[in-house]
PDB file of N, CA and C in Angstrom:
ATOM      1  N   LEU A   1       4.198 -18.385  10.334  1.00  0.00           N
ATOM      2  CA  LEU A   1       4.400 -19.543   9.470  1.00  0.00           C
ATOM      3  C   LEU A   1       5.034 -19.730   8.964  1.00  0.00           C
ATOM      4  N   ASP A   2       5.501 -21.072   8.332  1.00  0.00           N
ATOM      5  CA  ASP A   2       6.828 -21.628   7.494  1.00  0.00           C
ATOM      6  C   ASP A   2       6.437 -21.376   6.443  1.00  0.00           C
ATOM      7  N   ARG A   3       6.949 -21.183   5.211  1.00  0.00           N
ATOM      8  CA  ARG A   3       6.953 -21.156   3.998  1.00  0.00           C
ATOM      9  C   ARG A   3       6.050 -22.006   3.264  1.00  0.00           C
ATOM     10  N   ALA A   4       5.752 -23.411   3.716  1.00  0.00           N
ATOM     11  CA  ALA A   4       4.850 -24.271   3.274  1.00  0.00           C
ATOM     12  C   ALA A   4       3.478 -23.621   3.655  1.00  0.00           C
ATOM     13  N   ALA A   5       3.578 -23.125   4.611  1.00  0.00           N
ATOM     14  CA  ALA A   5       2.006 -23.008   4.901  1.00  0.00           C
ATOM     15  C   ALA A   5       1.583 -21.397   4.143  1.00  0.00           C
ATOM     16  N   GLN A   6       2.589 -20.681   3.792  1.00  0.00           N
ATOM     17  CA  GLN A   6       2.154 -19.593   3.071  1.00  0.00           C
ATOM     18  C   GLN A   6       1.980 -20.018   1.796  1.00  0.00           C
ATOM     19  N   ARG A   7       2.934 -20.328   0.999  1.00  0.00           N
ATOM     20  CA  ARG A   7       2.263 -20.764  -0.500  1.00  0.00           C
ATOM     21  C   ARG A   7       0.923 -21.246  -0.263  1.00  0.00           C
ATOM     22  N   VAL A   8       0.427 -21.933   0.260  1.00  0.00           N
ATOM     23  CA  VAL A   8      -1.327 -22.385   0.425  1.00  0.00           C
ATOM     24  C   VAL A   8      -2.469 -21.300   0.451  1.00  0.00           C
ATOM     25  N   HIS A   9      -1.851 -20.319   0.640  1.00  0.00           N
ATOM     26  CA  HIS A   9      -3.048 -19.774   0.786  1.00  0.00           C
ATOM     27  C   HIS A   9      -3.349 -18.594  -0.643  1.00  0.00           C
ATOM     28  N   SER A  10      -3.732 -17.993  -0.639  1.00  0.00           N
ATOM     29  CA  SER A  10      -4.625 -17.180  -1.573  1.00  0.00           C
ATOM     30  C   SER A  10      -3.713 -16.084  -1.364  1.00  0.00           C
ATOM     31  N   THR A  11      -3.583 -14.928  -2.469  1.00  0.00           N
ATOM     32  CA  THR A  11      -2.519 -14.033  -1.937  1.00  0.00           C
ATOM     33  C   THR A  11      -3.928 -12.892  -1.764  1.00  0.00           C
ATOM     34  N   ALA A  12      -4.842 -13.064  -1.797  1.00  0.00           N
ATOM     35  CA  ALA A  12      -5.893 -11.973  -0.813  1.00  0.00           C
ATOM     36  C   ALA A  12      -5.816 -12.971   0.605  1.00  0.00           C
ATOM     37  N   THR A  13      -5.943 -13.864   1.090  1.00  0.00           N
ATOM     38  CA  THR A  13      -5.859 -14.262   2.727  1.00  0.00           C
ATOM     39  C   THR A  13      -4.797 -13.588   2.426  1.00  0.00           C
ATOM     40  N   LEU A  14      -3.784 -13.767   2.152  1.00  0.00           N
ATOM     41  CA  LEU A  14      -2.276 -12.836   3.084  1.00  0.00           C
ATOM     42  C   LEU A  14      -2.454 -11.444   2.919  1.00  0.00           C
ATOM     43  N   VAL A  15      -3.119 -11.175   1.965  1.00  0.00           N
ATOM     44  CA  VAL A  15      -3.126  -9.668   2.206  1.00  0.00           C
ATOM     45  C   VAL A  15      -4.018  -8.755   3.607  1.00  0.00           C
ATOM     46  N   ALA A  16      -5.575  -9.939   3.471  1.00  0.00           N
ATOM     47  CA  ALA A  16      -5.883  -9.921   4.594  1.00  0.00           C
ATOM     48  C   ALA A  16      -5.360  -9.977   6.166  1.00  0.00           C
ATOM     49  N   LEU A  17      -4.688 -11.155   6.366  1.00  0.00           N
ATOM     50  CA  LEU A  17      -3.746 -11.846   7.434  1.00  0.00           C
ATOM     51  C   LEU A  17      -2.663 -10.549   8.198  1.00  0.00           C
ATOM     52  N   ALA A  18      -2.210  -9.801   7.070  1.00  0.00           N
ATOM     53  CA  ALA A  18      -1.076  -9.403   7.237  1.00  0.00           C
ATOM     54  C   ALA A  18      -1.421  -8.133   8.575  1.00  0.00           C
ATOM     55  N   PRO A  19      -2.253  -6.890   8.012  1.00  0.00           N
ATOM     56  CA  PRO A  19      -3.041  -6.249   8.801  1.00  0.00           C
ATOM     57  C   PRO A  19      -3.130  -6.999  10.361  1.00  0.00           C
ATOM     58  N   LEU A  20      -3.478  -8.008  10.581  1.00  0.00           N
ATOM     59  CA  LEU A  20      -3.843  -8.689  11.727  1.00  0.00           C
ATOM     60  C   LEU A  20      -2.785  -9.028  12.552  1.00  0.00           C
ATOM     61  N   TYR A  21      -1.926  -9.194  11.747  1.00  0.00           N
ATOM     62  CA  TYR A  21      -0.245  -9.820  12.156  1.00  0.00           C
ATOM     63  C   TYR A  21      -0.237  -8.760  13.111  1.00  0.00           C
ATOM     64  N   ALA A  22      -0.020  -7.587  12.642  1.00  0.00           N
ATOM     65  CA  ALA A  22       0.969  -6.484  12.750  1.00  0.00           C
ATOM     66  C   ALA A  22       0.200  -6.048  14.191  1.00  0.00           C
ATOM     67  N   GLN A  23      -1.657  -6.054  14.026  1.00  0.00           N
ATOM     68  CA  GLN A  23      -1.973  -5.398  15.316  1.00  0.00           C
ATOM     69  C   GLN A  23      -1.836  -6.397  16.344  1.00  0.00           C
ATOM     70  N   VAL A  24      -1.443  -7.339  16.299  1.00  0.00           N
ATOM     71  CA  VAL A  24      -1.244  -8.576  17.821  1.00  0.00           C
ATOM     72  C   VAL A  24       0.285  -8.545  18.119  1.00  0.00           C
ATOM     73  N   GLY A  25       1.433  -7.558  17.074  1.00  0.00           N
ATOM     74  CA  GLY A  25       2.848  -7.571  17.938  1.00  0.00           C
ATOM     75  C   GLY A  25       3.552  -8.196  16.714  1.00  0.00           C
ATOM     76  N   ALA A  26       2.704  -8.854  16.075  1.00  0.00           N
ATOM     77  CA  ALA A  26       3.675  -9.653  15.066  1.00  0.00           C
ATOM     78  C   ALA A  26       3.943  -9.099  13.429  1.00  0.00           C
ATOM     79  N   ALA A  27       4.593  -7.605  13.292  1.00  0.00           N
ATOM     80  CA  ALA A  27       4.228  -7.025  12.274  1.00  0.00           C
ATOM     81  C   ALA A  27       5.758  -8.049  11.543  1.00  0.00           C
ATOM     82  N   ASP A  28       6.839  -8.481  12.284  1.00  0.00           N
ATOM     83  CA  ASP A  28       7.436  -9.007  10.776  1.00  0.00           C
ATOM     84  C   ASP A  28       6.525 -10.500  10.017  1.00  0.00           C
ATOM     85  N   VAL A  29       5.701 -10.722  10.921  1.00  0.00           N
ATOM     86  CA  VAL A  29       5.104 -12.217  10.179  1.00  0.00           C
ATOM     87  C   VAL A  29       4.082 -11.278   8.814  1.00  0.00           C
ATOM     88  N   GLY A  30       3.320 -10.241   9.663  1.00  0.00           N
ATOM     89  CA  GLY A  30       2.229  -9.573   8.689  1.00  0.00           C
ATOM     90  C   GLY A  30       3.340  -9.163   7.266  1.00  0.00           C
ATOM     91  N   GLU A  31       4.588  -8.348   7.703  1.00  0.00           N
ATOM     92  CA  GLU A  31       5.401  -8.228   6.759  1.00  0.00           C
ATOM     93  C   GLU A  31       5.344  -9.056   6.062  1.00  0.00           C
ATOM     94  N   SER A  32       6.399  -9.883   6.385  1.00  0.00           N
ATOM     95  CA  SER A  32       6.332 -11.616   5.841  1.00  0.00           C
ATOM     96  C   SER A  32       5.247 -11.952   4.828  1.00  0.00           C
ATOM     97  N   LEU A  33       3.889 -11.769   5.221  1.00  0.00           N
ATOM     98  CA  LEU A  33       2.678 -12.394   4.062  1.00  0.00           C
ATOM     99  C   LEU A  33       2.550 -11.563   3.340  1.00  0.00           C
ATOM    100  N   LEU A  34       2.973 -10.083   2.990  1.00  0.00           N
ATOM    101  CA  LEU A  34       3.058  -9.208   2.324  1.00  0.00           C
ATOM    102  C   LEU A  34       3.692  -9.578   1.073  1.00  0.00           C
ATOM    103  N   LEU A  35       5.070  -9.728   1.560  1.00  0.00           N
ATOM    104  CA  LEU A  35       6.185  -9.937   0.468  1.00  0.00           C
ATOM    105  C   LEU A  35       5.836 -11.379   0.272  1.00  0.00           C
ATOM    106  N   THR A  36       5.626 -12.146   0.294  1.00  0.00           N
ATOM    107  CA  THR A  36       5.057 -13.359  -0.262  1.00  0.00           C
ATOM    108  C   THR A  36       4.173 -12.761  -0.872  1.00  0.00           C
ATOM    109  N   ALA A  37       3.176 -12.103  -0.739  1.00  0.00           N
ATOM    110  CA  ALA A  37       1.993 -12.583  -1.886  1.00  0.00           C
ATOM    111  C   ALA A  37       2.401 -11.255  -3.032  1.00  0.00           C
ATOM    112  N   VAL A  38       3.290 -10.129  -2.766  1.00  0.00           N
ATOM    113  CA  VAL A  38       3.606  -9.915  -3.901  1.00  0.00           C
ATOM    114  C   VAL A  38       4.736 -10.922  -4.936  1.00  0.00           C
ATOM    115  N   VAL A  39       5.112 -11.603  -4.149  1.00  0.00           N
ATOM    116  CA  VAL A  39       6.121 -12.782  -5.096  1.00  0.00           C
ATOM    117  C   VAL A  39       5.063 -13.956  -5.915  1.00  0.00           C
ATOM    118  N   GLN A  40       4.063 -13.825  -4.971  1.00  0.00           N
ATOM    119  CA  GLN A  40       3.076 -15.424  -5.765  1.00  0.00           C
ATOM    120  C   GLN A  40       2.528 -14.102  -6.722  1.00  0.00           C
ATOM    121  N   GLU A  41       1.991 -12.585  -6.874  1.00  0.00           N
ATOM    122  CA  GLU A  41       1.186 -11.705  -7.872  1.00  0.00           C
ATOM    123  C   GLU A  41       2.069 -11.188  -8.174  1.00  0.00           C
ATOM    124  N   PRO A  42       3.073 -10.775  -8.629  1.00  0.00           N
ATOM    125  CA  PRO A  42       3.646  -9.617  -8.936  1.00  0.00           C
ATOM    126  C   PRO A  42       2.391  -8.875  -9.632  1.00  0.00           C
ATOM    127  N   GLY A  43       2.704  -7.558  -9.847  1.00  0.00           N
ATOM    128  CA  GLY A  43       2.153  -6.583 -10.162  1.00  0.00           C
ATOM    129  C   GLY A  43       0.533  -6.172 -10.090  1.00  0.00           C
ATOM    130  N   SER A  44       0.275  -7.314  -8.498  1.00  0.00           N
ATOM    131  CA  SER A  44      -1.003  -7.105  -7.820  1.00  0.00           C
ATOM    132  C   SER A  44      -1.397  -5.572  -7.421  1.00  0.00           C
ATOM    133  N   LEU A  45      -1.863  -4.710  -8.059  1.00  0.00           N
ATOM    134  CA  LEU A  45      -2.567  -3.825  -7.402  1.00  0.00           C
ATOM    135  C   LEU A  45      -2.825  -3.571  -5.836  1.00  0.00           C
ATOM    136  N   ASP A  46      -3.928  -4.363  -5.608  1.00  0.00           N
ATOM    137  CA  ASP A  46      -4.297  -4.953  -4.329  1.00  0.00           C
ATOM    138  C   ASP A  46      -3.097  -4.792  -3.310  1.00  0.00           C
ATOM    139  N   VAL A  47      -2.012  -5.370  -3.472  1.00  0.00           N
ATOM    140  CA  VAL A  47      -0.986  -6.045  -2.906  1.00  0.00           C
ATOM    141  C   VAL A  47      -0.053  -4.665  -3.023  1.00  0.00           C
ATOM    142  N   LEU A  48       0.727  -3.714  -3.986  1.00  0.00           N
ATOM    143  CA  LEU A  48       0.871  -3.022  -3.800  1.00  0.00           C
ATOM    144  C   LEU A  48       0.235  -1.485  -2.748  1.00  0.00           C
ATOM    145  N   LEU A  49      -1.137  -1.339  -2.606  1.00  0.00           N
ATOM    146  CA  LEU A  49      -1.635  -0.862  -1.881  1.00  0.00           C
ATOM    147  C   LEU A  49      -1.249  -1.177  -0.849  1.00  0.00           C
ATOM    148  N   ALA A  50      -1.737  -2.894  -0.296  1.00  0.00           N
ATOM    149  CA  ALA A  50      -1.611  -3.376   1.211  1.00  0.00           C
ATOM    150  C   ALA A  50      -0.461  -3.104   1.664  1.00  0.00           C
ATOM    151  N   LEU A  51       0.762  -3.376   0.899  1.00  0.00           N
ATOM    152  CA  LEU A  51       2.075  -3.055   1.329  1.00  0.00           C
ATOM    153  C   LEU A  51       2.540  -1.353   1.714  1.00  0.00           C
ATOM    154  N   GLY A  52       1.815  -0.480   0.946  1.00  0.00           N
ATOM    155  CA  GLY A  52       1.882   0.770   1.083  1.00  0.00           C
ATOM    156  C   GLY A  52       1.456   1.202   2.278  1.00  0.00           C
ATOM    157  N   ASP A  53      -0.109   0.860   2.428  1.00  0.00           N
ATOM    158  CA  ASP A  53      -0.748   0.837   3.797  1.00  0.00           C
ATOM    159  C   ASP A  53       0.106   0.118   5.153  1.00  0.00           C
ATOM    160  N   PHE A  54       0.177  -1.046   4.973  1.00  0.00           N
ATOM    161  CA  PHE A  54       1.488  -1.990   6.237  1.00  0.00           C
ATOM    162  C   PHE A  54       2.415  -0.893   6.456  1.00  0.00           C
ATOM    163  N   TYR A  55       3.437  -0.061   5.805  1.00  0.00           N
ATOM    164  CA  TYR A  55       4.312   0.156   6.184  1.00  0.00           C
ATOM    165  C   TYR A  55       4.174   1.698   6.296  1.00  0.00           C
ATOM    166  N   VAL A  56       2.672   2.471   5.979  1.00  0.00           N
ATOM    167  CA  VAL A  56       2.609   3.651   6.890  1.00  0.00           C
ATOM    168  C   VAL A  56       2.265   3.582   8.237  1.00  0.00           C
ATOM    169  N   GLY A  57       1.398   1.939   8.466  1.00  0.00           N
ATOM    170  CA  GLY A  57       1.233   1.469   9.878  1.00  0.00           C
ATOM    171  C   GLY A  57       2.169   1.783  10.691  1.00  0.00           C
ATOM    172  N   GLN A  58       3.711   0.758  10.039  1.00  0.00           N
ATOM    173  CA  GLN A  58       4.601   0.488  10.976  1.00  0.00           C
ATOM    174  C   GLN A  58       5.083   1.488  10.819  1.00  0.00           C
ATOM    175  N   GLY A  59       4.943   2.862  10.100  1.00  0.00           N
ATOM    176  CA  GLY A  59       5.910   4.472  10.391  1.00  0.00           C
ATOM    177  C   GLY A  59       7.255   3.943   9.539  1.00  0.00           C
ATOM    178  N   ASN A  60       6.989   3.063   8.403  1.00  0.00           N
ATOM    179  CA  ASN A  60       7.789   3.175   7.614  1.00  0.00           C
ATOM    180  C   ASN A  60       7.574   4.054   6.173  1.00  0.00           C
ATOM    181  N   THR A  61       7.630   5.021   6.256  1.00  0.00           N
ATOM    182  CA  THR A  61       7.442   6.030   5.453  1.00  0.00           C
ATOM    183  C   THR A  61       7.963   5.999   3.941  1.00  0.00           C
ATOM    184  N   ASP A  62       9.590   5.593   3.728  1.00  0.00           N
ATOM    185  CA  ASP A  62      10.175   5.638   2.559  1.00  0.00           C
ATOM    186  C   ASP A  62       9.388   4.407   1.780  1.00  0.00           C
ATOM    187  N   ALA A  63       9.739   3.139   2.618  1.00  0.00           N
ATOM    188  CA  ALA A  63       8.877   2.130   1.923  1.00  0.00           C
ATOM    189  C   ALA A  63       7.480   2.280   1.553  1.00  0.00           C
ATOM    190  N   ALA A  64       6.407   3.203   2.358  1.00  0.00           N
ATOM    191  CA  ALA A  64       5.058   3.017   1.955  1.00  0.00           C
ATOM    192  C   ALA A  64       5.292   4.158   0.555  1.00  0.00           C
ATOM    193  N   TRP A  65       6.108   4.950   0.352  1.00  0.00           N
ATOM    194  CA  TRP A  65       6.263   6.120  -0.565  1.00  0.00           C
ATOM    195  C   TRP A  65       6.257   5.078  -1.786  1.00  0.00           C
ATOM    196  N   ASP A  66       7.776   4.281  -1.775  1.00  0.00           N
ATOM    197  CA  ASP A  66       7.643   3.643  -2.704  1.00  0.00           C
ATOM    198  C   ASP A  66       6.723   2.859  -3.284  1.00  0.00           C
ATOM    199  N   TYR A  67       6.222   2.081  -2.275  1.00  0.00           N
ATOM    200  CA  TYR A  67       5.123   0.832  -2.984  1.00  0.00           C
ATOM    201  C   TYR A  67       4.155   2.061  -3.296  1.00  0.00           C
ATOM    202  N   TYR A  68       3.287   2.659  -3.117  1.00  0.00           N
ATOM    203  CA  TYR A  68       2.168   3.874  -3.730  1.00  0.00           C
ATOM    204  C   TYR A  68       2.991   4.090  -5.154  1.00  0.00           C
ATOM    205  N   GLN A  69       3.833   4.555  -5.264  1.00  0.00           N
ATOM    206  CA  GLN A  69       4.514   4.811  -6.495  1.00  0.00           C
ATOM    207  C   GLN A  69       5.034   3.713  -7.281  1.00  0.00           C
ATOM    208  N   GLN A  70       5.133   2.852  -7.222  1.00  0.00           N
ATOM    209  CA  GLN A  70       5.049   1.349  -7.721  1.00  0.00           C
ATOM    210  C   GLN A  70       3.595   1.378  -8.070  1.00  0.00           C
ATOM    211  N   LEU A  71       2.561   1.453  -7.439  1.00  0.00           N
ATOM    212  CA  LEU A  71       1.213   1.163  -7.760  1.00  0.00           C
ATOM    213  C   LEU A  71       1.246   2.001  -8.933  1.00  0.00           C
ATOM    214  N   LEU A  72       1.705   3.195  -8.969  1.00  0.00           N
ATOM    215  CA  LEU A  72       0.856   4.117  -9.839  1.00  0.00           C
ATOM    216  C   LEU A  72       1.819   4.070 -11.596  1.00  0.00           C
ATOM    217  N   THR A  73       2.785   3.571 -11.743  1.00  0.00           N
ATOM    218  CA  THR A  73       3.351   3.144 -12.691  1.00  0.00           C
ATOM    219  C   THR A  73       3.042   2.038 -13.285  1.00  0.00           C
ATOM    220  N   LEU A  74       2.139   1.199 -12.530  1.00  0.00           N
ATOM    221  CA  LEU A  74       1.265   0.296 -12.876  1.00  0.00           C
ATOM    222  C   LEU A  74       0.027   0.779 -13.780  1.00  0.00           C
ATOM    223  N   SER A  75      -0.536   1.529 -12.716  1.00  0.00           N
ATOM    224  CA  SER A  75      -1.495   1.750 -13.058  1.00  0.00           C
ATOM    225  C   SER A  75      -1.959   3.472 -12.919  1.00  0.00           C
ATOM    226  N   PRO A  76      -1.616   4.279 -13.734  1.00  0.00           N
ATOM    227  CA  PRO A  76      -1.129   5.967 -13.447  1.00  0.00           C
ATOM    228  C   PRO A  76      -2.544   6.634 -13.287  1.00  0.00           C
ATOM    229  N   GLY A  77      -3.496   5.877 -13.435  1.00  0.00           N
ATOM    230  CA  GLY A  77      -5.103   6.382 -13.342  1.00  0.00           C
ATOM    231  C   GLY A  77      -5.734   6.117 -12.289  1.00  0.00           C
ATOM    232  N   LEU A  78      -5.353   5.434 -11.474  1.00  0.00           N
ATOM    233  CA  LEU A  78      -5.980   4.871 -10.857  1.00  0.00           C
ATOM    234  C   LEU A  78      -6.270   6.023  -9.346  1.00  0.00           C
ATOM    235  N   PRO A  79      -7.069   6.274  -8.723  1.00  0.00           N
ATOM    236  CA  PRO A  79      -7.269   7.238  -7.876  1.00  0.00           C
ATOM    237  C   PRO A  79      -6.170   7.322  -6.569  1.00  0.00           C
ATOM    238  N   ILE A  80      -6.544   6.068  -6.230  1.00  0.00           N
ATOM    239  CA  ILE A  80      -6.035   5.373  -4.697  1.00  0.00           C
ATOM    240  C   ILE A  80      -4.670   5.725  -4.087  1.00  0.00           C
ATOM    241  N   GLY A  81      -3.815   5.444  -5.424  1.00  0.00           N
ATOM    242  CA  GLY A  81      -2.904   5.856  -5.205  1.00  0.00           C
ATOM    243  C   GLY A  81      -1.745   7.788  -4.982  1.00  0.00           C
ATOM    244  N   TYR A  82      -3.126   8.308  -5.621  1.00  0.00           N
ATOM    245  CA  TYR A  82      -2.394   9.430  -5.651  1.00  0.00           C
ATOM    246  C   TYR A  82      -2.791  10.107  -4.309  1.00  0.00           C
ATOM    247  N   LEU A  83      -4.280   9.223  -3.836  1.00  0.00           N
ATOM    248  CA  LEU A  83      -5.057   9.861  -2.551  1.00  0.00           C
ATOM    249  C   LEU A  83      -3.990   9.604  -1.411  1.00  0.00           C
ATOM    250  N   ARG A  84      -3.649   8.474  -1.702  1.00  0.00           N
ATOM    251  CA  ARG A  84      -2.677   8.055  -0.249  1.00  0.00           C
ATOM    252  C   ARG A  84      -1.414   8.530  -0.691  1.00  0.00           C
ATOM    253  N   LEU A  85      -0.680   8.898  -1.640  1.00  0.00           N
ATOM    254  CA  LEU A  85       0.377  10.018  -1.374  1.00  0.00           C
ATOM    255  C   LEU A  85       0.329  11.240  -1.344  1.00  0.00           C
ATOM    256  N   SER A  86      -0.944  11.449  -1.415  1.00  0.00           N
ATOM    257  CA  SER A  86      -1.431  13.001  -1.052  1.00  0.00           C
ATOM    258  C   SER A  86      -1.634  12.755   0.361  1.00  0.00           C
ATOM    259  N   ASN A  87      -1.966  12.072   1.092  1.00  0.00           N
ATOM    260  CA  ASN A  87      -2.174  12.077   2.595  1.00  0.00           C
ATOM    261  C   ASN A  87      -1.071  12.158   3.442  1.00  0.00           C
ATOM    262  N   LEU A  88      -0.172  11.137   2.513  1.00  0.00           N
ATOM    263  CA  LEU A  88       1.516  10.490   3.175  1.00  0.00           C
ATOM    264  C   LEU A  88       2.133  11.817   3.239  1.00  0.00           C
ATOM    265  N   ALA A  89       1.813  12.352   1.985  1.00  0.00           N
ATOM    266  CA  ALA A  89       3.033  13.626   2.191  1.00  0.00           C
ATOM    267  C   ALA A  89       2.278  15.049   3.067  1.00  0.00           C
ATOM    268  N   ASN A  90       1.057  15.190   3.759  1.00  0.00           N
ATOM    269  CA  ASN A  90       0.916  15.871   4.156  1.00  0.00           C
ATOM    270  C   ASN A  90       1.102  15.453   5.410  1.00  0.00           C
ATOM    271  N   ASP A  91       0.785  13.944   6.033  1.00  0.00           N
ATOM    272  CA  ASP A  91       1.389  13.221   7.416  1.00  0.00           C
ATOM    273  C   ASP A  91       2.730  13.871   7.849  1.00  0.00           C
ATOM    274  N   LEU A  92       3.430  14.075   6.646  1.00  0.00           N
ATOM    275  CA  LEU A  92       5.075  14.086   6.630  1.00  0.00           C
ATOM    276  C   LEU A  92       5.168  15.511   6.520  1.00  0.00           C
ATOM    277  N   GLY A  93       4.491  16.521   6.727  1.00  0.00           N
ATOM    278  CA  GLY A  93       4.265  18.065   6.603  1.00  0.00           C
ATOM    279  C   GLY A  93       4.496  18.934   5.334  1.00  0.00           C
ATOM    280  N   ASP A  94       4.375  18.204   4.256  1.00  0.00           N
ATOM    281  CA  ASP A  94       4.908  18.408   2.926  1.00  0.00           C
ATOM    282  C   ASP A  94       3.859  18.555   2.082  1.00  0.00           C
ATOM    283  N   ARG A  95       3.447  20.138   2.850  1.00  0.00           N
ATOM    284  CA  ARG A  95       1.903  20.732   2.284  1.00  0.00           C
ATOM    285  C   ARG A  95       2.110  21.165   0.828  1.00  0.00           C
ATOM    286  N   THR A  96       3.273  21.353   0.209  1.00  0.00           N
ATOM    287  CA  THR A  96       3.329  21.270  -1.106  1.00  0.00           C
ATOM    288  C   THR A  96       3.335  20.439  -2.106  1.00  0.00           C
ATOM    289  N   GLN A  97       3.653  19.432  -1.698  1.00  0.00           N
ATOM    290  CA  GLN A  97       3.344  17.869  -1.975  1.00  0.00           C
ATOM    291  C   GLN A  97       2.283  17.227  -2.219  1.00  0.00           C
ATOM    292  N   ALA A  98       1.348  17.491  -0.668  1.00  0.00           N
ATOM    293  CA  ALA A  98       0.497  16.865  -0.723  1.00  0.00           C
ATOM    294  C   ALA A  98      -0.643  17.436  -1.412  1.00  0.00           C
ATOM    295  N   ASP A  99      -0.481  19.004  -1.864  1.00  0.00           N
ATOM    296  CA  ASP A  99      -1.376  19.758  -2.305  1.00  0.00           C
ATOM    297  C   ASP A  99      -0.957  19.138  -3.746  1.00  0.00           C
ATOM    298  N   LEU A 100       0.333  19.128  -4.743  1.00  0.00           N
ATOM    299  CA  LEU A 100       0.389  18.664  -5.572  1.00  0.00           C
ATOM    300  C   LEU A 100      -0.335  17.158  -6.090  1.00  0.00           C
ATOM    301  N   TYR A 101      -0.467  16.152  -5.155  1.00  0.00           N
ATOM    302  CA  TYR A 101      -1.445  15.029  -5.508  1.00  0.00           C
ATOM    303  C   TYR A 101      -2.496  15.202  -5.690  1.00  0.00           C
ATOM    304  N   ALA A 102      -3.226  16.161  -4.575  1.00  0.00           N
ATOM    305  CA  ALA A 102      -4.899  16.419  -4.624  1.00  0.00           C
ATOM    306  C   ALA A 102      -4.849  16.863  -5.766  1.00  0.00           C
ATOM    307  N   ALA A 103      -4.101  18.383  -6.534  1.00  0.00           N
ATOM    308  CA  ALA A 103      -4.759  18.607  -7.260  1.00  0.00           C
ATOM    309  C   ALA A 103      -4.632  17.978  -8.574  1.00  0.00           C
ATOM    310  N   LEU A 104      -3.388  16.807  -8.613  1.00  0.00           N
ATOM    311  CA  LEU A 104      -3.782  15.982  -9.441  1.00  0.00           C
ATOM    312  C   LEU A 104      -5.059  15.135  -9.659  1.00  0.00           C
ATOM    313  N   VAL A 105      -5.232  14.916  -8.529  1.00  0.00           N
ATOM    314  CA  VAL A 105      -6.723  14.046  -8.740  1.00  0.00           C
ATOM    315  C   VAL A 105      -7.629  14.914  -8.796  1.00  0.00           C
ATOM    316  N   GLN A 106      -7.842  15.872  -8.376  1.00  0.00           N
ATOM    317  CA  GLN A 106      -9.071  17.071  -9.288  1.00  0.00           C
ATOM    318  C   GLN A 106      -8.305  17.344 -10.609  1.00  0.00           C
ATOM    319  N   GLU A 107      -7.496  17.106 -10.940  1.00  0.00           N
ATOM    320  CA  GLU A 107      -7.268  17.498 -12.198  1.00  0.00           C
ATOM    321  C   GLU A 107      -7.664  16.733 -13.589  1.00  0.00           C
ATOM    322  N   LEU A 108      -7.606  15.095 -12.730  1.00  0.00           N
ATOM    323  CA  LEU A 108      -8.115  13.983 -13.307  1.00  0.00           C
ATOM    324  C   LEU A 108      -9.358  13.485 -13.456  1.00  0.00           C
ATOM    325  N   GLY A 109     -10.089  14.541 -12.672  1.00  0.00           N
ATOM    326  CA  GLY A 109     -11.210  14.090 -12.251  1.00  0.00           C
ATOM    327  C   GLY A 109     -11.735  12.867 -11.904  1.00  0.00           C
ATOM    328  N   LEU A 110     -11.096  12.715 -10.654  1.00  0.00           N
ATOM    329  CA  LEU A 110     -10.903  11.872  -9.679  1.00  0.00           C
ATOM    330  C   LEU A 110     -11.131  11.955  -8.582  1.00  0.00           C
ATOM    331  N   ALA A 111     -11.208  13.417  -7.898  1.00  0.00           N
ATOM    332  CA  ALA A 111     -11.529  13.653  -6.576  1.00  0.00           C
ATOM    333  C   ALA A 111     -12.511  12.553  -5.867  1.00  0.00           C
ATOM    334  N   GLY A 112     -13.760  13.161  -6.207  1.00  0.00           N
ATOM    335  CA  GLY A 112     -15.086  11.708  -5.549  1.00  0.00           C
ATOM    336  C   GLY A 112     -14.844  10.563  -5.659  1.00  0.00           C
ATOM    337  N   THR A 113     -13.635   9.888  -5.945  1.00  0.00           N
ATOM    338  CA  THR A 113     -13.507   8.392  -5.415  1.00  0.00           C
ATOM    339  C   THR A 113     -12.898   7.920  -5.130  1.00  0.00           C
ATOM    340  N   SER A 114     -12.603   8.498  -3.990  1.00  0.00           N
ATOM    341  CA  SER A 114     -11.690   8.116  -2.648  1.00  0.00           C
ATOM    342  C   SER A 114     -11.898   6.829  -2.201  1.00  0.00           C
ATOM    343  N   GLN A 115     -11.236   5.915  -1.609  1.00  0.00           N
ATOM    344  CA  GLN A 115     -11.562   4.643  -1.373  1.00  0.00           C
ATOM    345  C   GLN A 115     -10.618   4.252   0.779  1.00  0.00           C
TER     346      GLN A 115
END
């Protein structure tokens, strides 16, 4: 998609299309859509979560971690951010970090609200 076409799509549409592009081997287009979405709607929790999830799917765990951290900076009480970090840490073999985030979710009383 060219820049003009990207601008006419809503942020929600860009977020929805990104993983579809990744699935058909056009991850660069999917990434571009998400980065456009974050420019269109800075601070969108949905976009930050989508970026984190996208980068997990692409194996870019550093970028995923950064976007999940940004999500929690903007909304520290959002359970999905802590759950995603716990899962990512577990996937990376860091049980200590995974357990820390999982315990934090439970401590905040948010354990039953995973998405």
